[in-house]
């Protein structure tokens, strides 16, 4: 029961994809503007996104794609 066979997984390339089991959630994102030499990095923004997973990963909520 891997991500690649789940009906909620959308392949995005290179054996990675997006898990769309739940609505997108805010994720902290560092951008180059937030990183300055000699200073602590700060989180730049919170952008809603689906989590990226590898095709061979799995979770407890897998539902097999219909063929």
Protein backbone atom coordinates (compact mmCIF):
# COMPACT_ATOMS: atom_id res chain seq x y z
CA UNK A 1 0.00 0.00 0.00
CA UNK A 2 2.32 2.71 -1.26
CA UNK A 3 1.48 6.32 -2.11
CA UNK A 4 1.70 5.60 -5.85
CA UNK A 5 -1.33 3.30 -5.61
CA UNK A 6 -3.45 5.65 -3.46
CA UNK A 7 -6.39 7.49 -5.02
CA UNK A 8 -5.43 10.68 -3.16
CA UNK A 9 -1.85 10.84 -4.49
CA UNK A 10 -1.00 13.02 -7.51
CA UNK A 11 2.35 12.33 -9.17
CA UNK A 12 4.49 15.42 -9.74
CA UNK A 13 7.57 13.76 -11.25
CA UNK A 14 10.82 12.07 -10.21
CA UNK A 15 8.94 9.52 -8.07
CA UNK A 16 7.42 12.31 -5.97
CA UNK A 17 3.85 13.46 -5.66
CA UNK A 18 1.33 15.36 -3.57
CA UNK A 19 -0.84 13.73 -0.93
CA UNK A 20 -4.32 15.19 -1.31
CA UNK A 21 -6.01 13.13 1.41
CA UNK A 22 -6.80 16.30 3.38
CA UNK A 23 -7.14 19.98 2.46
CA UNK A 24 -3.86 21.89 1.99
CA UNK A 25 -2.28 23.03 5.26
CA UNK A 26 -0.13 26.08 5.96
CA UNK A 27 3.56 25.21 5.65
CA UNK A 28 6.44 27.45 6.73
CA UNK A 29 8.60 28.38 3.78
CA UNK A 30 12.08 29.92 3.79
CA UNK A 31 12.81 32.16 0.86
CA UNK A 32 16.19 33.59 -0.21
CA UNK A 33 15.06 37.02 1.04
CA UNK A 34 14.83 35.66 4.59
CA UNK A 35 18.43 34.40 4.62
CA UNK A 36 21.15 36.96 5.28
CA UNK A 37 24.77 36.24 6.03
CA UNK A 38 25.57 36.42 9.75
CA UNK A 39 21.93 36.65 10.82
CA UNK A 40 19.46 34.09 12.04
CA UNK A 41 17.08 32.84 9.38
CA UNK A 42 13.45 33.73 9.84
CA UNK A 43 10.45 31.97 8.41
CA UNK A 44 9.27 34.14 5.57
CA UNK A 45 5.70 33.05 5.03
CA UNK A 46 3.05 30.40 5.49
CA UNK A 47 1.71 29.03 2.22
CA UNK A 48 -1.03 26.41 2.03
CA UNK A 49 0.23 23.28 0.30
CA UNK A 50 -0.26 19.54 0.10
CA UNK A 51 2.61 17.52 1.55
CA UNK A 52 5.13 16.11 -0.93
CA UNK A 53 5.77 12.38 -0.59
CA UNK A 54 7.83 9.74 -2.37
CA UNK A 55 5.97 7.14 -4.41
CA UNK A 56 7.14 4.32 -2.08
CA UNK A 57 5.99 5.93 1.18
CA UNK A 58 2.75 4.95 2.90
CA UNK A 59 0.33 6.02 5.62
CA UNK A 60 -2.56 4.54 7.55
CA UNK A 61 -5.21 6.23 5.39
CA UNK A 62 -4.42 4.58 2.04
CA UNK A 63 -7.31 3.92 -0.31
CA UNK A 64 -6.42 2.02 -3.50
CA UNK A 65 -7.03 3.81 -6.81
CA UNK A 66 -9.88 2.45 -8.90
CA UNK A 67 -8.76 0.93 -12.18
